[in-house]
Amino acid sequence: MGLGLAISSLFVWMVVRGVDAAAAFDELRRANPSFYVPAAVVLMASIWVRAVRWRVLLGPVGSVGTSAAFTALTIGYMANNALPARLGEFVRVYVLNRETRIRAPAILGTIILERVFDVLTLVVLLVLAALASGWRSPWNVPLAGLAGAAVVAFAIMYMMVSGLIKPSSPVISTLRRLAERPFGGAVTRLISSLIEGFRSVASGRALVTILGLSVGSWLIESAVYFLVLRAFGIHEGGYWLAIVVTCISNLSGVIPAGPANIGAFEFFTKEAVVLFGVDGEKGLAFAIAAHFVVIIPPTVLGLLLVWRKGLLALRTDEPRQSV
């Protein structure tokens, strides 16, 4: 908790440094709020698509309806907005385990696999959108290299699960030993969870389905940022800018910052639009408004679902598997 708050504080300082706070507040005041409600509706639609994706990933380990997946996913988002370092993912495991009795490690494996698909999709979309939009970023070349590395890593993991590469092969064993030197047994446990999760996409059809849902969900969420950009009268970059901002802001979530990724989200979102020629004050105002739009709907709905499911009261008469 302390580390996350310290990281958030650092990014808050970085994002407001050199910015006229009064001018940024004025930009917030002048924005057109009529775009916020449709943006919130689109956001929840993107979360529903992710719930469909999660249901597909969970298929090999248990039968889960889209509604149950959406409930656990939304409560997890709500918890992420209240807890640091994305600890809400463990809340999601608890909720689904409580409702379905699917083994907690199996659920966690699918969530880790989700993150793999998300990072892969976001990095590739970011590179494509940056190149198509003419985004003036000094990171374009390194990002292209990162996208290539992500694709290669994903392909290796998929081939391991499909049997094309044996986990005990000399190359894989060497890579595992190199990774275990600084991180110890955590690497072995992570790889085991990933392999268990990857079994849900062992077939080519399942892989295409998950990739399609991943790309679709993030392109839908890009519409959220597009609408908020329009609320501030930002037209530079068109929809490509919305995709770039979506990718940058969500990739910043890998940083173990405080609750709701406060600070890191604003810093990277602001920097993304500034590189498109938007001034710092308007960029900061946009980042703050966008963060509220993506935080409030799942948080409010998540709290309602917690109340509806009675999750605030622990039931001692129903044994649950430990997470």
C-alpha atoms as a PDB file:
ATOM      1  CA  MET A   1       0.000   0.000   0.000  1.00  0.00           C
ATOM      2  CA  GLY A   2       2.760   2.451   0.975  1.00  0.00           C
ATOM      3  CA  LEU A   3       4.758   1.785  -2.194  1.00  0.00           C
ATOM      4  CA  GLY A   4       1.696   2.221  -4.393  1.00  0.00           C
ATOM      5  CA  LEU A   5       0.801   5.545  -2.780  1.00  0.00           C
ATOM      6  CA  ALA A   6       4.400   6.715  -3.125  1.00  0.00           C
ATOM      7  CA  ILE A   7       4.410   5.844  -6.839  1.00  0.00           C
ATOM      8  CA  SER A   8       1.077   7.609  -7.346  1.00  0.00           C
ATOM      9  CA  SER A   9       2.346  10.679  -5.504  1.00  0.00           C
ATOM     10  CA  LEU A  10       5.420  10.791  -7.721  1.00  0.00           C
ATOM     11  CA  PHE A  11       3.325  10.677 -10.885  1.00  0.00           C
ATOM     12  CA  VAL A  12       0.901  13.300  -9.557  1.00  0.00           C
ATOM     13  CA  TRP A  13       3.865  15.610  -9.034  1.00  0.00           C
ATOM     14  CA  MET A  14       5.172  14.827 -12.523  1.00  0.00           C
ATOM     15  CA  VAL A  15       1.834  15.447 -14.212  1.00  0.00           C
ATOM     16  CA  VAL A  16       1.147  18.833 -12.568  1.00  0.00           C
ATOM     17  CA  ARG A  17       4.714  20.084 -12.844  1.00  0.00           C
ATOM     18  CA  GLY A  18       4.882  23.007 -15.243  1.00  0.00           C
ATOM     19  CA  VAL A  19       1.107  23.093 -15.764  1.00  0.00           C
ATOM     20  CA  ASP A  20      -1.116  26.050 -14.919  1.00  0.00           C
ATOM     21  CA  ALA A  21      -3.619  24.440 -12.532  1.00  0.00           C
ATOM     22  CA  ALA A  22      -6.126  27.289 -12.898  1.00  0.00           C
ATOM     23  CA  ALA A  23      -6.054  26.975 -16.690  1.00  0.00           C
ATOM     24  CA  ALA A  24      -6.476  23.196 -16.467  1.00  0.00           C
ATOM     25  CA  PHE A  25      -9.479  23.652 -14.169  1.00  0.00           C
ATOM     26  CA  ASP A  26     -10.920  26.146 -16.638  1.00  0.00           C
ATOM     27  CA  GLU A  27     -10.548  23.570 -19.417  1.00  0.00           C
ATOM     28  CA  LEU A  28     -12.444  21.078 -17.268  1.00  0.00           C
ATOM     29  CA  ARG A  29     -15.215  23.595 -16.683  1.00  0.00           C
ATOM     30  CA  ARG A  30     -15.543  24.425 -20.387  1.00  0.00           C
ATOM     31  CA  ALA A  31     -15.738  20.781 -21.532  1.00  0.00           C
ATOM     32  CA  ASN A  32     -19.043  19.516 -22.928  1.00  0.00           C
ATOM     33  CA  PRO A  33     -20.411  17.039 -20.329  1.00  0.00           C
ATOM     34  CA  SER A  34     -23.033  15.660 -22.716  1.00  0.00           C
ATOM     35  CA  PHE A  35     -20.361  13.298 -24.070  1.00  0.00           C
ATOM     36  CA  TYR A  36     -19.751  11.654 -20.675  1.00  0.00           C
ATOM     37  CA  VAL A  37     -22.938   9.577 -20.404  1.00  0.00           C
ATOM     38  CA  PRO A  38     -22.619   7.892 -23.819  1.00  0.00           C
ATOM     39  CA  ALA A  39     -18.940   7.317 -23.040  1.00  0.00           C
ATOM     40  CA  ALA A  40     -19.938   5.527 -19.815  1.00  0.00           C
ATOM     41  CA  VAL A  41     -22.437   3.358 -21.709  1.00  0.00           C
ATOM     42  CA  VAL A  42     -19.788   2.400 -24.268  1.00  0.00           C
ATOM     43  CA  LEU A  43     -17.370   1.578 -21.439  1.00  0.00           C
ATOM     44  CA  MET A  44     -19.791  -0.910 -19.902  1.00  0.00           C
ATOM     45  CA  ALA A  45     -20.335  -2.440 -23.353  1.00  0.00           C
ATOM     46  CA  SER A  46     -16.579  -3.038 -23.617  1.00  0.00           C
ATOM     47  CA  ILE A  47     -16.588  -4.675 -20.169  1.00  0.00           C
ATOM     48  CA  TRP A  48     -19.438  -6.940 -21.306  1.00  0.00           C
ATOM     49  CA  VAL A  49     -17.324  -8.047 -24.292  1.00  0.00           C
ATOM     50  CA  ARG A  50     -14.478  -8.839 -21.871  1.00  0.00           C
ATOM     51  CA  ALA A  51     -16.925 -10.869 -19.802  1.00  0.00           C
ATOM     52  CA  VAL A  52     -17.766 -12.899 -22.917  1.00  0.00           C
ATOM     53  CA  ARG A  53     -14.039 -13.415 -23.499  1.00  0.00           C
ATOM     54  CA  TRP A  54     -13.534 -14.527 -19.895  1.00  0.00           C
ATOM     55  CA  ARG A  55     -16.430 -16.989 -20.190  1.00  0.00           C
ATOM     56  CA  VAL A  56     -14.700 -18.535 -23.210  1.00  0.00           C
ATOM     57  CA  LEU A  57     -11.389 -18.733 -21.327  1.00  0.00           C
ATOM     58  CA  LEU A  58     -13.113 -20.380 -18.370  1.00  0.00           C
ATOM     59  CA  GLY A  59     -14.831 -22.978 -20.573  1.00  0.00           C
ATOM     60  CA  PRO A  60     -12.288 -25.798 -20.076  1.00  0.00           C
ATOM     61  CA  VAL A  61     -12.294 -25.420 -16.266  1.00  0.00           C
ATOM     62  CA  GLY A  62     -16.020 -24.914 -15.631  1.00  0.00           C
ATOM     63  CA  SER A  63     -19.312 -23.730 -17.024  1.00  0.00           C
ATOM     64  CA  VAL A  64     -19.849 -20.001 -16.381  1.00  0.00           C
ATOM     65  CA  GLY A  65     -22.575 -17.781 -17.813  1.00  0.00           C
ATOM     66  CA  THR A  66     -21.751 -14.397 -19.286  1.00  0.00           C
ATOM     67  CA  SER A  67     -23.803 -12.709 -16.561  1.00  0.00           C
ATOM     68  CA  ALA A  68     -21.803 -14.386 -13.782  1.00  0.00           C
ATOM     69  CA  ALA A  69     -18.542 -13.499 -15.524  1.00  0.00           C
ATOM     70  CA  PHE A  70     -19.676  -9.894 -15.960  1.00  0.00           C
ATOM     71  CA  THR A  71     -20.639  -9.643 -12.283  1.00  0.00           C
ATOM     72  CA  ALA A  72     -17.277 -10.929 -11.046  1.00  0.00           C
ATOM     73  CA  LEU A  73     -15.396  -8.809 -13.587  1.00  0.00           C
ATOM     74  CA  THR A  74     -17.230  -5.612 -12.619  1.00  0.00           C
ATOM     75  CA  ILE A  75     -16.728  -6.228  -8.904  1.00  0.00           C
ATOM     76  CA  GLY A  76     -13.052  -6.821  -9.646  1.00  0.00           C
ATOM     77  CA  TYR A  77     -12.822  -3.477 -11.438  1.00  0.00           C
ATOM     78  CA  MET A  78     -14.529  -1.800  -8.500  1.00  0.00           C
ATOM     79  CA  ALA A  79     -11.990  -3.372  -6.134  1.00  0.00           C
ATOM     80  CA  ASN A  80      -9.095  -2.309  -8.374  1.00  0.00           C
ATOM     81  CA  ASN A  81     -10.350   1.256  -8.035  1.00  0.00           C
ATOM     82  CA  ALA A  82     -10.185   0.952  -4.253  1.00  0.00           C
ATOM     83  CA  LEU A  83      -7.050  -1.170  -3.810  1.00  0.00           C
ATOM     84  CA  PRO A  84      -3.470  -0.634  -5.019  1.00  0.00           C
ATOM     85  CA  ALA A  85      -1.436  -2.782  -7.408  1.00  0.00           C
ATOM     86  CA  ARG A  86      -4.503  -4.370  -9.088  1.00  0.00           C
ATOM     87  CA  LEU A  87      -5.335  -6.445  -6.021  1.00  0.00           C
ATOM     88  CA  GLY A  88      -8.913  -6.408  -7.248  1.00  0.00           C
ATOM     89  CA  GLU A  89      -8.005  -9.362  -9.484  1.00  0.00           C
ATOM     90  CA  PHE A  90      -7.924 -11.534  -6.360  1.00  0.00           C
ATOM     91  CA  VAL A  91     -11.330 -10.186  -5.402  1.00  0.00           C
ATOM     92  CA  ARG A  92     -12.533 -11.330  -8.814  1.00  0.00           C
ATOM     93  CA  VAL A  93     -11.150 -14.811  -8.122  1.00  0.00           C
ATOM     94  CA  TYR A  94     -12.948 -14.904  -4.780  1.00  0.00           C
ATOM     95  CA  VAL A  95     -16.294 -13.772  -6.229  1.00  0.00           C
ATOM     96  CA  LEU A  96     -16.309 -16.313  -9.066  1.00  0.00           C
ATOM     97  CA  ASN A  97     -15.029 -19.104  -6.825  1.00  0.00           C
ATOM     98  CA  ARG A  98     -17.793 -18.297  -4.345  1.00  0.00           C
ATOM     99  CA  GLU A  99     -20.460 -18.389  -7.040  1.00  0.00           C
ATOM    100  CA  THR A 100     -19.291 -21.342  -9.163  1.00  0.00           C
ATOM    101  CA  ARG A 101     -16.930 -23.467  -7.015  1.00  0.00           C
ATOM    102  CA  ILE A 102     -14.398 -23.477  -9.857  1.00  0.00           C
ATOM    103  CA  ARG A 103     -10.913 -23.958  -8.397  1.00  0.00           C
ATOM    104  CA  ALA A 104      -9.301 -20.645  -7.470  1.00  0.00           C
ATOM    105  CA  PRO A 105      -5.918 -21.471  -9.128  1.00  0.00           C
ATOM    106  CA  ALA A 106      -7.730 -22.274 -12.381  1.00  0.00           C
ATOM    107  CA  ILE A 107      -9.594 -18.950 -12.244  1.00  0.00           C
ATOM    108  CA  LEU A 108      -6.344 -17.124 -11.537  1.00  0.00           C
ATOM    109  CA  GLY A 109      -4.740 -18.843 -14.511  1.00  0.00           C
ATOM    110  CA  THR A 110      -7.411 -17.457 -16.853  1.00  0.00           C
ATOM    111  CA  ILE A 111      -6.953 -13.959 -15.403  1.00  0.00           C
ATOM    112  CA  ILE A 112      -3.203 -14.116 -15.991  1.00  0.00           C
ATOM    113  CA  LEU A 113      -3.932 -15.262 -19.542  1.00  0.00           C
ATOM    114  CA  GLU A 114      -6.290 -12.297 -19.930  1.00  0.00           C
ATOM    115  CA  ARG A 115      -3.454  -9.970 -19.014  1.00  0.00           C
ATOM    116  CA  VAL A 116      -1.231 -11.661 -21.611  1.00  0.00           C
ATOM    117  CA  PHE A 117      -3.845 -11.146 -24.330  1.00  0.00           C
ATOM    118  CA  ASP A 118      -4.480  -7.568 -23.181  1.00  0.00           C
ATOM    119  CA  VAL A 119      -0.826  -6.538 -23.177  1.00  0.00           C
ATOM    120  CA  LEU A 120      -0.239  -8.207 -26.535  1.00  0.00           C
ATOM    121  CA  THR A 121      -3.312  -6.546 -28.064  1.00  0.00           C
ATOM    122  CA  LEU A 122      -2.610  -3.110 -26.594  1.00  0.00           C
ATOM    123  CA  VAL A 123       1.041  -3.067 -27.664  1.00  0.00           C
ATOM    124  CA  VAL A 124       0.252  -4.139 -31.229  1.00  0.00           C
ATOM    125  CA  LEU A 125      -2.678  -1.695 -31.526  1.00  0.00           C
ATOM    126  CA  LEU A 126      -0.502   1.084 -30.114  1.00  0.00           C
ATOM    127  CA  VAL A 127       2.211   0.529 -32.711  1.00  0.00           C
ATOM    128  CA  LEU A 128      -0.288   0.346 -35.580  1.00  0.00           C
ATOM    129  CA  ALA A 129      -2.192   3.447 -34.423  1.00  0.00           C
ATOM    130  CA  ALA A 130       1.025   5.395 -33.793  1.00  0.00           C
ATOM    131  CA  LEU A 131       2.319   4.646 -37.283  1.00  0.00           C
ATOM    132  CA  ALA A 132      -1.031   5.374 -38.942  1.00  0.00           C
ATOM    133  CA  SER A 133      -1.585   8.655 -37.101  1.00  0.00           C
ATOM    134  CA  GLY A 134       1.902  10.090 -37.367  1.00  0.00           C
ATOM    135  CA  TRP A 135       2.201  10.250 -33.586  1.00  0.00           C
ATOM    136  CA  ARG A 136       5.361  12.238 -32.865  1.00  0.00           C
ATOM    137  CA  SER A 137       6.779  10.021 -30.163  1.00  0.00           C
ATOM    138  CA  PRO A 138      10.445   9.155 -29.576  1.00  0.00           C
ATOM    139  CA  TRP A 139       9.217   5.755 -28.391  1.00  0.00           C
ATOM    140  CA  ASN A 140       7.812   4.555 -31.723  1.00  0.00           C
ATOM    141  CA  VAL A 141      10.819   2.404 -32.626  1.00  0.00           C
ATOM    142  CA  PRO A 142      11.220   0.857 -29.135  1.00  0.00           C
ATOM    143  CA  LEU A 143       7.468   0.189 -29.083  1.00  0.00           C
ATOM    144  CA  ALA A 144       7.694  -1.611 -32.406  1.00  0.00           C
ATOM    145  CA  GLY A 145      10.461  -3.774 -30.947  1.00  0.00           C
ATOM    146  CA  LEU A 146       8.359  -4.433 -27.836  1.00  0.00           C
ATOM    147  CA  ALA A 147       5.405  -5.450 -29.993  1.00  0.00           C
ATOM    148  CA  GLY A 148       7.601  -7.901 -31.883  1.00  0.00           C
ATOM    149  CA  ALA A 149       8.955  -9.363 -28.634  1.00  0.00           C
ATOM    150  CA  ALA A 150       5.425  -9.705 -27.224  1.00  0.00           C
ATOM    151  CA  VAL A 151       4.256 -11.571 -30.320  1.00  0.00           C
ATOM    152  CA  VAL A 152       7.266 -13.925 -30.158  1.00  0.00           C
ATOM    153  CA  ALA A 153       6.750 -14.606 -26.434  1.00  0.00           C
ATOM    154  CA  PHE A 154       3.065 -15.309 -27.015  1.00  0.00           C
ATOM    155  CA  ALA A 155       3.856 -17.653 -29.914  1.00  0.00           C
ATOM    156  CA  ILE A 156       6.368 -19.597 -27.801  1.00  0.00           C
ATOM    157  CA  MET A 157       3.876 -20.035 -24.950  1.00  0.00           C
ATOM    158  CA  TYR A 158       1.160 -21.142 -27.369  1.00  0.00           C
ATOM    159  CA  MET A 159       3.467 -23.662 -29.040  1.00  0.00           C
ATOM    160  CA  MET A 160       4.403 -25.057 -25.632  1.00  0.00           C
ATOM    161  CA  VAL A 161       0.758 -25.685 -24.788  1.00  0.00           C
ATOM    162  CA  SER A 162      -0.118 -27.078 -28.222  1.00  0.00           C
ATOM    163  CA  GLY A 163       2.804 -29.505 -28.020  1.00  0.00           C
ATOM    164  CA  LEU A 164       4.896 -28.012 -30.810  1.00  0.00           C
ATOM    165  CA  ILE A 165       7.592 -27.132 -28.251  1.00  0.00           C
ATOM    166  CA  LYS A 166       8.238 -29.211 -25.158  1.00  0.00           C
ATOM    167  CA  PRO A 167       8.511 -27.245 -21.880  1.00  0.00           C
ATOM    168  CA  SER A 168      11.573 -29.386 -21.108  1.00  0.00           C
ATOM    169  CA  SER A 169      13.383 -28.461 -24.337  1.00  0.00           C
ATOM    170  CA  PRO A 170      16.915 -27.041 -23.870  1.00  0.00           C
ATOM    171  CA  VAL A 171      15.998 -23.533 -25.041  1.00  0.00           C
ATOM    172  CA  ILE A 172      12.937 -23.236 -22.772  1.00  0.00           C
ATOM    173  CA  SER A 173      14.812 -24.736 -19.817  1.00  0.00           C
ATOM    174  CA  THR A 174      17.647 -22.236 -20.273  1.00  0.00           C
ATOM    175  CA  LEU A 175      15.247 -19.291 -20.464  1.00  0.00           C
ATOM    176  CA  ARG A 176      13.462 -20.489 -17.330  1.00  0.00           C
ATOM    177  CA  ARG A 177      16.721 -20.825 -15.384  1.00  0.00           C
ATOM    178  CA  LEU A 178      17.774 -17.305 -16.419  1.00  0.00           C
ATOM    179  CA  ALA A 179      14.425 -15.900 -15.269  1.00  0.00           C
ATOM    180  CA  GLU A 180      14.520 -17.799 -11.970  1.00  0.00           C
ATOM    181  CA  ARG A 181      17.857 -16.316 -10.898  1.00  0.00           C
ATOM    182  CA  PRO A 182      16.435 -12.895  -9.950  1.00  0.00           C
ATOM    183  CA  PHE A 183      12.844 -13.988  -9.201  1.00  0.00           C
ATOM    184  CA  GLY A 184      13.138 -17.478  -7.755  1.00  0.00           C
ATOM    185  CA  GLY A 185      10.229 -19.925  -7.679  1.00  0.00           C
ATOM    186  CA  ALA A 186       7.698 -17.214  -8.527  1.00  0.00           C
ATOM    187  CA  VAL A 187       8.603 -17.701 -12.196  1.00  0.00           C
ATOM    188  CA  THR A 188       7.798 -21.430 -12.060  1.00  0.00           C
ATOM    189  CA  ARG A 189       4.441 -20.747 -10.404  1.00  0.00           C
ATOM    190  CA  LEU A 190       3.627 -18.037 -12.946  1.00  0.00           C
ATOM    191  CA  ILE A 191       4.517 -20.297 -15.874  1.00  0.00           C
ATOM    192  CA  SER A 192       2.374 -23.099 -14.423  1.00  0.00           C
ATOM    193  CA  SER A 193      -0.610 -20.761 -14.090  1.00  0.00           C
ATOM    194  CA  LEU A 194      -0.066 -19.464 -17.618  1.00  0.00           C
ATOM    195  CA  ILE A 195       0.125 -22.965 -19.078  1.00  0.00           C
ATOM    196  CA  GLU A 196      -3.076 -23.965 -17.271  1.00  0.00           C
ATOM    197  CA  GLY A 197      -4.793 -20.875 -18.614  1.00  0.00           C
ATOM    198  CA  PHE A 198      -3.450 -21.399 -22.130  1.00  0.00           C
ATOM    199  CA  ARG A 199      -5.115 -24.795 -22.339  1.00  0.00           C
ATOM    200  CA  SER A 200      -8.382 -22.933 -22.925  1.00  0.00           C
ATOM    201  CA  VAL A 201      -7.011 -21.623 -26.236  1.00  0.00           C
ATOM    202  CA  ALA A 202      -5.155 -24.720 -27.329  1.00  0.00           C
ATOM    203  CA  SER A 203      -7.325 -24.988 -30.448  1.00  0.00           C
ATOM    204  CA  GLY A 204      -6.890 -22.568 -33.322  1.00  0.00           C
ATOM    205  CA  ARG A 205     -10.598 -21.678 -33.271  1.00  0.00           C
ATOM    206  CA  ALA A 206     -10.515 -20.734 -29.589  1.00  0.00           C
ATOM    207  CA  LEU A 207      -7.370 -18.674 -30.141  1.00  0.00           C
ATOM    208  CA  VAL A 208      -8.965 -16.701 -32.987  1.00  0.00           C
ATOM    209  CA  THR A 209     -12.099 -16.143 -30.882  1.00  0.00           C
ATOM    210  CA  ILE A 210     -10.144 -14.799 -27.912  1.00  0.00           C
ATOM    211  CA  LEU A 211      -7.951 -12.597 -30.088  1.00  0.00           C
ATOM    212  CA  GLY A 212     -11.026 -11.224 -31.857  1.00  0.00           C
ATOM    213  CA  LEU A 213     -12.791 -10.452 -28.572  1.00  0.00           C
ATOM    214  CA  SER A 214      -9.614  -8.856 -27.192  1.00  0.00           C
ATOM    215  CA  VAL A 215      -9.190  -6.555 -30.185  1.00  0.00           C
ATOM    216  CA  GLY A 216     -12.913  -5.807 -30.247  1.00  0.00           C
ATOM    217  CA  SER A 217     -13.113  -4.884 -26.559  1.00  0.00           C
ATOM    218  CA  TRP A 218     -10.213  -2.431 -26.792  1.00  0.00           C
ATOM    219  CA  LEU A 219     -11.478  -0.851 -29.996  1.00  0.00           C
ATOM    220  CA  ILE A 220     -14.843  -0.362 -28.288  1.00  0.00           C
ATOM    221  CA  GLU A 221     -13.131   1.197 -25.277  1.00  0.00           C
ATOM    222  CA  SER A 222     -11.278   3.502 -27.673  1.00  0.00           C
ATOM    223  CA  ALA A 223     -14.687   5.017 -28.435  1.00  0.00           C
ATOM    224  CA  VAL A 224     -14.869   6.055 -24.767  1.00  0.00           C
ATOM    225  CA  TYR A 225     -11.699   8.119 -25.111  1.00  0.00           C
ATOM    226  CA  PHE A 226     -12.828   9.388 -28.510  1.00  0.00           C
ATOM    227  CA  LEU A 227     -16.019  10.781 -26.946  1.00  0.00           C
ATOM    228  CA  VAL A 228     -14.119  12.407 -24.077  1.00  0.00           C
ATOM    229  CA  LEU A 229     -11.668  13.914 -26.567  1.00  0.00           C
ATOM    230  CA  ARG A 230     -14.640  15.416 -28.369  1.00  0.00           C
ATOM    231  CA  ALA A 231     -15.934  16.811 -25.068  1.00  0.00           C
ATOM    232  CA  PHE A 232     -12.754  18.907 -24.950  1.00  0.00           C
ATOM    233  CA  GLY A 233     -12.838  19.812 -28.619  1.00  0.00           C
ATOM    234  CA  ILE A 234      -9.694  17.787 -29.323  1.00  0.00           C
ATOM    235  CA  HIS A 235      -9.756  16.690 -32.963  1.00  0.00           C
ATOM    236  CA  GLU A 236      -6.041  16.112 -33.590  1.00  0.00           C
ATOM    237  CA  GLY A 237      -5.303  12.560 -34.647  1.00  0.00           C
ATOM    238  CA  GLY A 238      -8.954  11.544 -35.054  1.00  0.00           C
ATOM    239  CA  TYR A 239      -9.856   8.029 -33.895  1.00  0.00           C
ATOM    240  CA  TRP A 240      -6.197   7.011 -34.114  1.00  0.00           C
ATOM    241  CA  LEU A 241      -5.466   9.313 -31.177  1.00  0.00           C
ATOM    242  CA  ALA A 242      -8.251   7.646 -29.211  1.00  0.00           C
ATOM    243  CA  ILE A 243      -6.641   4.243 -29.844  1.00  0.00           C
ATOM    244  CA  VAL A 244      -3.197   5.529 -28.855  1.00  0.00           C
ATOM    245  CA  VAL A 245      -4.565   7.040 -25.617  1.00  0.00           C
ATOM    246  CA  THR A 246      -6.506   3.852 -24.831  1.00  0.00           C
ATOM    247  CA  CYS A 247      -3.380   1.739 -25.215  1.00  0.00           C
ATOM    248  CA  ILE A 248      -1.064   4.091 -23.301  1.00  0.00           C
ATOM    249  CA  SER A 249      -3.450   4.663 -20.391  1.00  0.00           C
ATOM    250  CA  ASN A 250      -4.220   0.963 -19.941  1.00  0.00           C
ATOM    251  CA  LEU A 251      -0.618  -0.188 -20.334  1.00  0.00           C
ATOM    252  CA  SER A 252       0.238   2.201 -17.503  1.00  0.00           C
ATOM    253  CA  GLY A 253      -1.774  -0.164 -15.318  1.00  0.00           C
ATOM    254  CA  VAL A 254       1.230  -2.524 -15.134  1.00  0.00           C
ATOM    255  CA  ILE A 255       2.834   0.040 -12.812  1.00  0.00           C
ATOM    256  CA  PRO A 256       2.082  -0.890  -9.166  1.00  0.00           C
ATOM    257  CA  ALA A 257       0.613   2.515  -8.345  1.00  0.00           C
ATOM    258  CA  GLY A 258      -2.080   3.382  -5.829  1.00  0.00           C
ATOM    259  CA  PRO A 259      -5.828   2.697  -6.107  1.00  0.00           C
ATOM    260  CA  ALA A 260      -7.304   3.224  -9.588  1.00  0.00           C
ATOM    261  CA  ASN A 261      -3.775   3.808 -10.891  1.00  0.00           C
ATOM    262  CA  ILE A 262      -4.113   7.443  -9.827  1.00  0.00           C
ATOM    263  CA  GLY A 263      -1.220   9.589 -11.010  1.00  0.00           C
ATOM    264  CA  ALA A 264       0.239   7.123 -13.485  1.00  0.00           C
ATOM    265  CA  PHE A 265      -2.971   7.172 -15.557  1.00  0.00           C
ATOM    266  CA  GLU A 266      -3.074  10.966 -15.663  1.00  0.00           C
ATOM    267  CA  PHE A 267       0.623  11.299 -16.472  1.00  0.00           C
ATOM    268  CA  PHE A 268       0.727   8.897 -19.409  1.00  0.00           C
ATOM    269  CA  THR A 269      -2.667   9.956 -20.781  1.00  0.00           C
ATOM    270  CA  LYS A 270      -1.694  13.612 -20.711  1.00  0.00           C
ATOM    271  CA  GLU A 271       1.683  12.930 -22.332  1.00  0.00           C
ATOM    272  CA  ALA A 272       0.017  10.921 -25.109  1.00  0.00           C
ATOM    273  CA  VAL A 273      -2.220  13.824 -26.194  1.00  0.00           C
ATOM    274  CA  VAL A 274       0.522  16.421 -25.698  1.00  0.00           C
ATOM    275  CA  LEU A 275       2.623  14.551 -28.271  1.00  0.00           C
ATOM    276  CA  PHE A 276      -0.263  15.150 -30.703  1.00  0.00           C
ATOM    277  CA  GLY A 277       0.089  18.900 -30.215  1.00  0.00           C
ATOM    278  CA  VAL A 278      -2.458  19.440 -27.433  1.00  0.00           C
ATOM    279  CA  ASP A 279      -1.323  21.937 -24.775  1.00  0.00           C
ATOM    280  CA  GLY A 280      -0.491  20.658 -21.303  1.00  0.00           C
ATOM    281  CA  GLU A 281      -3.435  22.263 -19.505  1.00  0.00           C
ATOM    282  CA  LYS A 282      -6.027  20.794 -21.851  1.00  0.00           C
ATOM    283  CA  GLY A 283      -4.173  17.475 -21.814  1.00  0.00           C
ATOM    284  CA  LEU A 284      -4.307  17.322 -18.020  1.00  0.00           C
ATOM    285  CA  ALA A 285      -7.987  18.288 -17.955  1.00  0.00           C
ATOM    286  CA  PHE A 286      -8.751  15.581 -20.520  1.00  0.00           C
ATOM    287  CA  ALA A 287      -6.802  12.976 -18.536  1.00  0.00           C
ATOM    288  CA  ILE A 288      -8.695  13.801 -15.325  1.00  0.00           C
ATOM    289  CA  ALA A 289     -12.089  13.677 -17.053  1.00  0.00           C
ATOM    290  CA  ALA A 290     -11.256  10.425 -18.875  1.00  0.00           C
ATOM    291  CA  HIS A 291     -10.161   8.826 -15.614  1.00  0.00           C
ATOM    292  CA  PHE A 292     -13.431   9.733 -13.926  1.00  0.00           C
ATOM    293  CA  VAL A 293     -15.392   8.326 -16.875  1.00  0.00           C
ATOM    294  CA  VAL A 294     -13.615   4.963 -16.711  1.00  0.00           C
ATOM    295  CA  ILE A 295     -13.687   4.763 -12.894  1.00  0.00           C
ATOM    296  CA  ILE A 296     -17.194   5.818 -11.890  1.00  0.00           C
ATOM    297  CA  PRO A 297     -19.474   3.432 -13.893  1.00  0.00           C
ATOM    298  CA  PRO A 298     -17.823   0.103 -12.909  1.00  0.00           C
ATOM    299  CA  THR A 299     -17.303   1.317  -9.346  1.00  0.00           C
ATOM    300  CA  VAL A 300     -20.962   2.257  -8.858  1.00  0.00           C
ATOM    301  CA  LEU A 301     -22.241  -0.868 -10.586  1.00  0.00           C
ATOM    302  CA  GLY A 302     -19.699  -3.014  -8.727  1.00  0.00           C
ATOM    303  CA  LEU A 303     -20.915  -1.698  -5.366  1.00  0.00           C
ATOM    304  CA  LEU A 304     -24.532  -2.404  -6.378  1.00  0.00           C
ATOM    305  CA  LEU A 305     -23.597  -5.956  -7.373  1.00  0.00           C
ATOM    306  CA  VAL A 306     -21.747  -6.497  -4.089  1.00  0.00           C
ATOM    307  CA  TRP A 307     -24.856  -5.388  -2.207  1.00  0.00           C
ATOM    308  CA  ARG A 308     -27.159  -7.472  -4.421  1.00  0.00           C
ATOM    309  CA  LYS A 309     -25.030 -10.594  -4.026  1.00  0.00           C
ATOM    310  CA  GLY A 310     -24.670 -10.116  -0.275  1.00  0.00           C
ATOM    311  CA  LEU A 311     -20.898 -10.337  -0.562  1.00  0.00           C
ATOM    312  CA  LEU A 312     -20.321  -8.019   2.380  1.00  0.00           C
ATOM    313  CA  ALA A 313     -21.533 -10.736   4.749  1.00  0.00           C
ATOM    314  CA  LEU A 314     -19.333 -13.811   4.954  1.00  0.00           C
ATOM    315  CA  ARG A 315     -21.290 -17.047   5.111  1.00  0.00           C
ATOM    316  CA  THR A 316     -19.715 -19.552   7.473  1.00  0.00           C
ATOM    317  CA  ASP A 317     -22.101 -22.314   6.433  1.00  0.00           C
ATOM    318  CA  GLU A 318     -20.706 -22.517   2.909  1.00  0.00           C
ATOM    319  CA  PRO A 319     -17.079 -23.680   2.718  1.00  0.00           C
ATOM    320  CA  ARG A 320     -15.069 -22.027  -0.024  1.00  0.00           C
ATOM    321  CA  GLN A 321     -11.807 -22.889  -1.620  1.00  0.00           C
ATOM    322  CA  SER A 322      -9.017 -20.599  -0.537  1.00  0.00           C
ATOM    323  CA  VAL A 323      -7.520 -18.243  -3.078  1.00  0.00           C
END
